[in-house]
Protein backbone atom coordinates (compact mmCIF):
# COMPACT_ATOMS: atom_id res chain seq x y z
CA MET A 1 -0.06 -0.10 0.17
CA VAL A 2 2.82 2.43 0.87
CA LYS A 3 4.40 1.85 -2.62
CA SER A 4 1.08 3.09 -4.09
CA ASP A 5 0.49 6.00 -1.78
CA ALA A 6 3.64 7.46 -0.14
CA GLY A 7 1.63 9.68 2.04
CA LEU A 8 0.99 6.53 4.21
CA LEU A 9 4.55 6.09 5.31
CA LYS A 10 4.13 8.61 8.41
CA ASN A 11 1.11 6.45 9.37
CA ALA A 12 2.76 3.25 8.77
CA PHE A 13 5.54 4.23 11.24
CA GLU A 14 3.26 5.63 13.80
CA GLU A 15 0.88 2.47 13.62
CA ALA A 16 3.92 -0.14 13.90
CA HIS A 17 5.10 2.11 17.01
CA ARG A 18 1.51 1.81 18.56
CA LEU A 19 1.00 -1.62 18.07
CA GLU A 20 4.66 -2.96 19.09
CA SER A 21 5.66 -0.20 21.21
CA SER A 22 9.45 0.01 21.70
CA ALA A 23 9.27 1.15 25.45
CA ARG A 24 7.75 -1.95 27.23
CA THR A 25 7.84 -0.52 30.65
CA LEU A 26 8.25 2.74 32.27
CA PHE A 27 9.02 3.58 35.99
CA ARG A 28 7.74 7.07 37.45
CA THR A 29 7.58 8.50 41.05
CA THR A 30 4.13 10.06 42.26
CA THR A 31 3.96 13.81 43.66
CA THR A 32 4.92 14.83 46.86
CA HIS A 33 1.35 14.54 47.78
CA GLU A 34 -1.38 11.96 47.55
CA ILE A 35 -3.37 12.15 44.47
CA GLU A 36 -6.49 9.95 42.74
CA PHE A 37 -5.76 8.55 39.48
CA GLU A 38 -8.57 6.52 37.60
CA GLY A 39 -10.70 6.37 41.07
CA ARG A 40 -7.56 5.16 42.92
CA LYS A 41 -5.58 7.12 45.59
CA LEU A 42 -1.95 6.94 45.23
CA ALA A 43 0.00 7.89 47.82
CA PRO A 44 3.06 10.52 47.77
CA ASN A 45 6.83 9.50 46.18
CA ILE A 46 6.08 5.92 45.37
CA LYS A 47 7.10 3.85 42.44
CA VAL A 48 4.59 3.47 39.74
CA GLN A 49 5.02 1.21 37.07
CA LEU A 50 3.37 2.04 33.23
CA PHE A 51 2.93 -0.08 30.39
CA PRO A 52 2.99 1.97 27.40
CA GLY A 53 2.30 -1.20 25.01
CA CYS A 54 -0.98 -1.85 26.96
CA ALA A 55 -2.18 1.85 26.82
CA ASN A 56 -1.36 1.72 22.94
CA ARG A 57 -4.18 -1.09 22.43
CA ASP A 58 -6.47 0.62 25.03
CA GLN A 59 -10.18 0.12 23.57
CA ARG A 60 -11.01 3.41 24.72
CA LYS A 61 -8.72 5.47 23.09
CA TRP A 62 -8.01 2.93 19.75
CA ASP A 63 -10.86 1.26 17.67
CA ARG A 64 -10.08 -2.08 16.57
CA PRO A 65 -6.63 -1.58 18.83
CA ASP A 66 -5.04 -5.02 17.97
CA ALA A 67 -5.26 -4.71 14.11
CA PHE A 68 -2.56 -3.00 12.04
CA ASP A 69 -4.62 -0.24 10.23
CA LEU A 70 -2.64 1.90 7.78
CA HIS A 71 -5.68 4.24 7.42
CA ARG A 72 -6.25 4.56 11.33
CA LYS A 73 -6.76 8.22 12.25
CA GLN A 74 -4.42 8.73 14.90
CA SER A 75 -6.57 10.15 17.53
CA ALA A 76 -3.87 9.77 20.45
CA LEU A 77 -0.20 9.54 19.83
CA PRO A 78 1.17 6.04 20.77
CA LEU A 79 2.91 6.27 24.75
CA GLY A 80 6.08 4.34 23.19
CA PHE A 81 8.03 7.71 23.31
CA GLY A 82 6.42 8.86 26.66
CA SER A 83 3.97 11.84 27.34
CA GLY A 84 3.92 15.32 28.66
CA ILE A 85 7.16 16.40 30.35
CA HIS A 86 8.38 12.95 30.17
CA ARG A 87 8.23 12.91 26.31
CA CYS A 88 11.39 11.47 24.59
CA ILE A 89 13.15 14.47 23.48
CA GLY A 90 14.79 12.21 20.45
CA GLN A 91 11.34 11.36 19.15
CA MET A 92 11.41 13.75 16.26
CA ILE A 93 15.11 12.35 15.19
CA ALA A 94 13.30 8.93 15.37
CA ARG A 95 10.35 9.91 13.34
CA PHE A 96 12.70 11.77 10.99
CA GLU A 97 15.29 8.74 10.38
CA ALA A 98 12.10 6.48 10.08
CA ASP A 99 10.78 8.66 7.46
CA ALA A 100 13.98 8.73 5.46
CA LEU A 101 14.70 5.03 5.72
CA LEU A 102 10.90 3.96 4.54
CA ASN A 103 11.04 6.66 1.69
CA ALA A 104 14.48 4.81 0.64
CA LEU A 105 12.84 1.43 0.87
CA VAL A 106 9.71 1.92 -1.16
CA LYS A 107 11.82 3.59 -3.81
CA ARG A 108 14.37 0.72 -4.16
CA ILE A 109 12.32 -2.48 -2.86
CA ARG A 110 9.75 -4.02 -4.80
CA SER A 111 8.62 -6.49 -1.74
CA LEU A 112 9.85 -7.51 1.63
CA SER A 113 8.79 -10.67 3.30
CA LEU A 114 9.82 -12.57 6.66
CA ARG A 115 11.51 -15.68 5.82
CA GLU A 116 11.04 -16.84 9.61
CA GLN A 117 9.88 -15.47 12.78
CA PRO A 118 12.03 -12.94 13.98
CA THR A 119 14.08 -13.37 17.16
CA ILE A 120 13.10 -11.14 20.16
CA ARG A 121 15.89 -10.05 22.39
CA LEU A 122 14.88 -10.31 25.84
CA ASN A 123 14.91 -7.11 27.69
CA ASN A 124 12.90 -5.89 30.74
CA CYS A 125 12.06 -2.40 29.46
CA LEU A 126 12.62 -2.33 25.69
CA ARG A 127 11.40 -4.54 22.80
CA THR A 128 13.82 -5.16 20.38
CA TYR A 129 15.41 -8.06 17.98
CA ASP A 130 18.40 -10.08 17.88
CA LYS A 131 17.37 -10.84 13.91
CA VAL A 132 14.53 -10.27 11.48
CA PRO A 133 15.07 -12.40 8.70
CA LEU A 134 13.63 -10.91 5.37
CA ASP A 135 13.28 -11.80 2.00
CA VAL A 136 14.00 -8.73 -0.18
CA GLU A 137 12.99 -8.28 -4.02
CA LEU A 138 14.34 -5.14 -5.58
CA ALA A 139 12.58 -2.84 -7.55
């Protein structure tokens, strides 16, 4: 689809990042006073664990959250790059690099397909791969 419509490249990156968030877990410390969040009281100065990959599949924010949809309207940004004051400072560079890479691939490659299942590298905080075996057909 992106070969016939390069306008979908940015959405392809955002959708892939939403569906397979690179940040699996993040930790934050609550404020210096008790707060209420989603109906629960949180004590001051405690560690809380966040799961951006789960939030990126929240049915309250995403229609058909488990589907990869290049035409999805990005009503909310995926949380793999954090949010608010904790937003990743390098996210714009990552998006720029992804845009450059995907544009180059679309021009030079007719098709990509998995030769075998990717090997995930075990890491408590990040989703990353040891290998992604691909078959590449040049344009």
